[in-house]
């Protein structure tokens, strides 16, 4: 059984423990992913643009959040240190090929024509046909 950690006749205690560790990790990751937050916050925008365009310039998302400001020499940036964004960009860069396919698939489908009472960021992502992409990025 998968929860046993004692060495069987094969001496496979390490294999069982390693499998157990991965199962705990995956369950925790799924729970945190599904229940943590479905909201885009200011730190997501630089992470997304870093993964998509290789830059921290979030001019494409200017107006999506009150925490995005125009720079004095052009471009737009968040009013925060980019540390969390840089860390958040790592999995986005690693998953970039898959996220590109999801984004293309999402844009091919018709967008709903109804307005919601959800936040402006969610409504904008729905209007641009990127709702599923943004929910996966969260």
C-alpha atoms as a PDB file:
ATOM      1  CA  UNK A   1       0.000   0.000   0.000  1.00  0.00           C
ATOM      2  CA  UNK A   2       1.156   3.550  -0.752  1.00  0.00           C
ATOM      3  CA  UNK A   3       1.118   4.773   2.876  1.00  0.00           C
ATOM      4  CA  UNK A   4       3.515   2.126   4.194  1.00  0.00           C
ATOM      5  CA  UNK A   5       7.029   3.360   4.874  1.00  0.00           C
ATOM      6  CA  UNK A   6       8.540   0.119   6.150  1.00  0.00           C
ATOM      7  CA  UNK A   7      10.935  -1.713   3.886  1.00  0.00           C
ATOM      8  CA  UNK A   8       9.306  -4.626   2.149  1.00  0.00           C
ATOM      9  CA  UNK A   9      11.110  -7.721   0.972  1.00  0.00           C
ATOM     10  CA  UNK A  10      12.588  -5.645  -1.877  1.00  0.00           C
ATOM     11  CA  UNK A  11      13.982  -2.985   0.452  1.00  0.00           C
ATOM     12  CA  UNK A  12      11.907  -0.297  -1.273  1.00  0.00           C
ATOM     13  CA  UNK A  13      11.405   2.049   1.703  1.00  0.00           C
ATOM     14  CA  UNK A  14      13.011   4.993  -0.106  1.00  0.00           C
ATOM     15  CA  UNK A  15      10.834   4.489  -3.166  1.00  0.00           C
ATOM     16  CA  UNK A  16       7.698   4.391  -1.028  1.00  0.00           C
ATOM     17  CA  UNK A  17       8.784   7.487   0.931  1.00  0.00           C
ATOM     18  CA  UNK A  18       9.587   9.361  -2.296  1.00  0.00           C
ATOM     19  CA  UNK A  19       6.187   8.450  -3.740  1.00  0.00           C
ATOM     20  CA  UNK A  20       4.523   9.582  -0.513  1.00  0.00           C
ATOM     21  CA  UNK A  21       6.364  12.926  -0.652  1.00  0.00           C
ATOM     22  CA  UNK A  22       5.186  13.577  -4.221  1.00  0.00           C
ATOM     23  CA  UNK A  23       1.611  12.663  -3.367  1.00  0.00           C
ATOM     24  CA  UNK A  24       1.547  15.045  -0.410  1.00  0.00           C
ATOM     25  CA  UNK A  25       3.121  17.786  -2.541  1.00  0.00           C
ATOM     26  CA  UNK A  26       0.589  17.336  -5.351  1.00  0.00           C
ATOM     27  CA  UNK A  27      -2.408  17.289  -3.012  1.00  0.00           C
ATOM     28  CA  UNK A  28      -1.195  20.438  -1.219  1.00  0.00           C
ATOM     29  CA  UNK A  29      -0.424  22.163  -4.516  1.00  0.00           C
ATOM     30  CA  UNK A  30      -3.892  21.373  -5.878  1.00  0.00           C
ATOM     31  CA  UNK A  31      -5.634  22.532  -2.704  1.00  0.00           C
ATOM     32  CA  UNK A  32      -3.652  25.780  -2.577  1.00  0.00           C
ATOM     33  CA  UNK A  33      -4.129  26.361  -6.291  1.00  0.00           C
ATOM     34  CA  UNK A  34      -7.865  25.797  -6.245  1.00  0.00           C
ATOM     35  CA  UNK A  35      -8.675  27.513  -2.965  1.00  0.00           C
ATOM     36  CA  UNK A  36      -6.071  30.235  -2.526  1.00  0.00           C
ATOM     37  CA  UNK A  37      -7.186  33.136  -4.696  1.00  0.00           C
ATOM     38  CA  UNK A  38      -8.676  33.508  -8.135  1.00  0.00           C
ATOM     39  CA  UNK A  39      -7.727  37.181  -8.247  1.00  0.00           C
ATOM     40  CA  UNK A  40      -5.042  38.888 -10.260  1.00  0.00           C
ATOM     41  CA  UNK A  41      -2.970  41.217  -8.100  1.00  0.00           C
ATOM     42  CA  UNK A  42      -0.391  43.761  -9.151  1.00  0.00           C
ATOM     43  CA  UNK A  43       2.503  41.312  -8.809  1.00  0.00           C
ATOM     44  CA  UNK A  44       0.977  39.055 -11.468  1.00  0.00           C
ATOM     45  CA  UNK A  45       1.255  41.629 -14.262  1.00  0.00           C
ATOM     46  CA  UNK A  46       5.073  41.941 -14.318  1.00  0.00           C
ATOM     47  CA  UNK A  47       5.372  38.154 -13.990  1.00  0.00           C
ATOM     48  CA  UNK A  48       3.060  37.691 -16.981  1.00  0.00           C
ATOM     49  CA  UNK A  49       4.867  40.265 -19.127  1.00  0.00           C
ATOM     50  CA  UNK A  50       8.236  38.839 -18.119  1.00  0.00           C
ATOM     51  CA  UNK A  51       7.106  35.389 -19.252  1.00  0.00           C
ATOM     52  CA  UNK A  52       5.400  36.680 -22.409  1.00  0.00           C
ATOM     53  CA  UNK A  53       7.713  39.469 -23.556  1.00  0.00           C
ATOM     54  CA  UNK A  54      10.851  39.242 -21.434  1.00  0.00           C
ATOM     55  CA  UNK A  55      10.286  42.626 -19.796  1.00  0.00           C
ATOM     56  CA  UNK A  56       8.823  44.069 -16.603  1.00  0.00           C
ATOM     57  CA  UNK A  57       7.049  46.791 -18.599  1.00  0.00           C
ATOM     58  CA  UNK A  58       3.319  46.285 -17.966  1.00  0.00           C
ATOM     59  CA  UNK A  59       2.117  48.934 -20.413  1.00  0.00           C
ATOM     60  CA  UNK A  60      -0.173  46.354 -22.049  1.00  0.00           C
ATOM     61  CA  UNK A  61      -2.080  46.133 -18.742  1.00  0.00           C
ATOM     62  CA  UNK A  62      -2.126  49.839 -17.924  1.00  0.00           C
ATOM     63  CA  UNK A  63      -5.499  50.689 -16.404  1.00  0.00           C
ATOM     64  CA  UNK A  64      -6.203  47.131 -15.285  1.00  0.00           C
ATOM     65  CA  UNK A  65      -5.120  47.951 -11.729  1.00  0.00           C
ATOM     66  CA  UNK A  66      -4.769  51.124  -9.708  1.00  0.00           C
ATOM     67  CA  UNK A  67      -1.230  50.029  -8.831  1.00  0.00           C
ATOM     68  CA  UNK A  68       0.094  50.320 -12.393  1.00  0.00           C
ATOM     69  CA  UNK A  69       1.660  53.690 -13.205  1.00  0.00           C
ATOM     70  CA  UNK A  70       3.199  55.283 -16.265  1.00  0.00           C
ATOM     71  CA  UNK A  71       6.963  55.621 -16.046  1.00  0.00           C
ATOM     72  CA  UNK A  72       8.642  59.019 -16.441  1.00  0.00           C
ATOM     73  CA  UNK A  73      10.376  57.870 -19.647  1.00  0.00           C
ATOM     74  CA  UNK A  74       7.573  55.729 -21.077  1.00  0.00           C
ATOM     75  CA  UNK A  75       6.273  52.315 -20.221  1.00  0.00           C
ATOM     76  CA  UNK A  76       4.237  51.324 -17.198  1.00  0.00           C
ATOM     77  CA  UNK A  77       5.282  49.644 -13.978  1.00  0.00           C
ATOM     78  CA  UNK A  78       3.793  48.494 -10.701  1.00  0.00           C
ATOM     79  CA  UNK A  79       4.305  50.574  -7.595  1.00  0.00           C
ATOM     80  CA  UNK A  80       6.187  47.840  -5.784  1.00  0.00           C
ATOM     81  CA  UNK A  81       9.497  45.991  -5.751  1.00  0.00           C
ATOM     82  CA  UNK A  82       9.498  43.284  -8.435  1.00  0.00           C
ATOM     83  CA  UNK A  83      10.781  40.470  -6.192  1.00  0.00           C
ATOM     84  CA  UNK A  84       7.493  38.583  -5.980  1.00  0.00           C
ATOM     85  CA  UNK A  85       6.957  39.084  -9.704  1.00  0.00           C
ATOM     86  CA  UNK A  86      10.377  37.687 -10.537  1.00  0.00           C
ATOM     87  CA  UNK A  87       9.742  34.631  -8.385  1.00  0.00           C
ATOM     88  CA  UNK A  88       6.259  34.238  -9.873  1.00  0.00           C
ATOM     89  CA  UNK A  89       7.623  34.407 -13.407  1.00  0.00           C
ATOM     90  CA  UNK A  90       9.715  31.247 -12.976  1.00  0.00           C
ATOM     91  CA  UNK A  91       6.833  28.755 -13.220  1.00  0.00           C
ATOM     92  CA  UNK A  92       5.213  30.860 -15.953  1.00  0.00           C
ATOM     93  CA  UNK A  93       8.385  30.708 -18.036  1.00  0.00           C
ATOM     94  CA  UNK A  94       8.668  26.968 -17.482  1.00  0.00           C
ATOM     95  CA  UNK A  95       5.014  26.436 -18.423  1.00  0.00           C
ATOM     96  CA  UNK A  96       5.100  28.977 -21.273  1.00  0.00           C
ATOM     97  CA  UNK A  97       4.573  26.498 -24.167  1.00  0.00           C
ATOM     98  CA  UNK A  98       1.486  25.086 -22.470  1.00  0.00           C
ATOM     99  CA  UNK A  99       0.168  28.519 -21.471  1.00  0.00           C
ATOM    100  CA  UNK A 100       0.532  29.763 -25.060  1.00  0.00           C
ATOM    101  CA  UNK A 101      -1.644  26.904 -26.295  1.00  0.00           C
ATOM    102  CA  UNK A 102      -4.238  27.580 -23.579  1.00  0.00           C
ATOM    103  CA  UNK A 103      -4.258  31.292 -24.461  1.00  0.00           C
ATOM    104  CA  UNK A 104      -4.713  30.556 -28.177  1.00  0.00           C
ATOM    105  CA  UNK A 105      -7.478  28.055 -27.405  1.00  0.00           C
ATOM    106  CA  UNK A 106      -9.190  30.546 -25.093  1.00  0.00           C
ATOM    107  CA  UNK A 107      -9.097  33.340 -27.692  1.00  0.00           C
ATOM    108  CA  UNK A 108     -10.700  31.078 -30.332  1.00  0.00           C
ATOM    109  CA  UNK A 109     -13.891  30.695 -28.326  1.00  0.00           C
ATOM    110  CA  UNK A 110     -16.592  33.355 -28.364  1.00  0.00           C
ATOM    111  CA  UNK A 111     -16.605  35.735 -25.440  1.00  0.00           C
ATOM    112  CA  UNK A 112     -19.781  36.170 -23.403  1.00  0.00           C
ATOM    113  CA  UNK A 113     -21.627  39.396 -24.075  1.00  0.00           C
ATOM    114  CA  UNK A 114     -22.895  39.863 -20.558  1.00  0.00           C
ATOM    115  CA  UNK A 115     -21.500  42.174 -17.934  1.00  0.00           C
ATOM    116  CA  UNK A 116     -20.696  40.876 -14.487  1.00  0.00           C
ATOM    117  CA  UNK A 117     -20.317  42.484 -11.107  1.00  0.00           C
ATOM    118  CA  UNK A 118     -16.832  40.982 -10.818  1.00  0.00           C
ATOM    119  CA  UNK A 119     -13.735  43.091 -10.493  1.00  0.00           C
ATOM    120  CA  UNK A 120     -12.486  45.100 -13.430  1.00  0.00           C
ATOM    121  CA  UNK A 121      -9.532  42.782 -13.997  1.00  0.00           C
ATOM    122  CA  UNK A 122     -11.724  39.724 -14.389  1.00  0.00           C
ATOM    123  CA  UNK A 123     -14.149  41.545 -16.682  1.00  0.00           C
ATOM    124  CA  UNK A 124     -11.259  42.778 -18.857  1.00  0.00           C
ATOM    125  CA  UNK A 125      -9.783  39.298 -19.084  1.00  0.00           C
ATOM    126  CA  UNK A 126     -13.184  37.952 -20.172  1.00  0.00           C
ATOM    127  CA  UNK A 127     -13.587  40.747 -22.735  1.00  0.00           C
ATOM    128  CA  UNK A 128     -10.158  40.024 -24.223  1.00  0.00           C
ATOM    129  CA  UNK A 129     -10.813  36.300 -24.314  1.00  0.00           C
ATOM    130  CA  UNK A 130      -8.094  35.493 -21.803  1.00  0.00           C
ATOM    131  CA  UNK A 131     -10.131  34.490 -18.750  1.00  0.00           C
ATOM    132  CA  UNK A 132      -8.979  30.869 -18.629  1.00  0.00           C
ATOM    133  CA  UNK A 133      -5.375  31.966 -19.201  1.00  0.00           C
ATOM    134  CA  UNK A 134      -5.522  34.422 -16.298  1.00  0.00           C
ATOM    135  CA  UNK A 135      -7.207  31.904 -14.012  1.00  0.00           C
ATOM    136  CA  UNK A 136      -4.407  29.414 -14.749  1.00  0.00           C
ATOM    137  CA  UNK A 137      -1.766  32.053 -14.134  1.00  0.00           C
ATOM    138  CA  UNK A 138      -3.258  32.819 -10.712  1.00  0.00           C
END
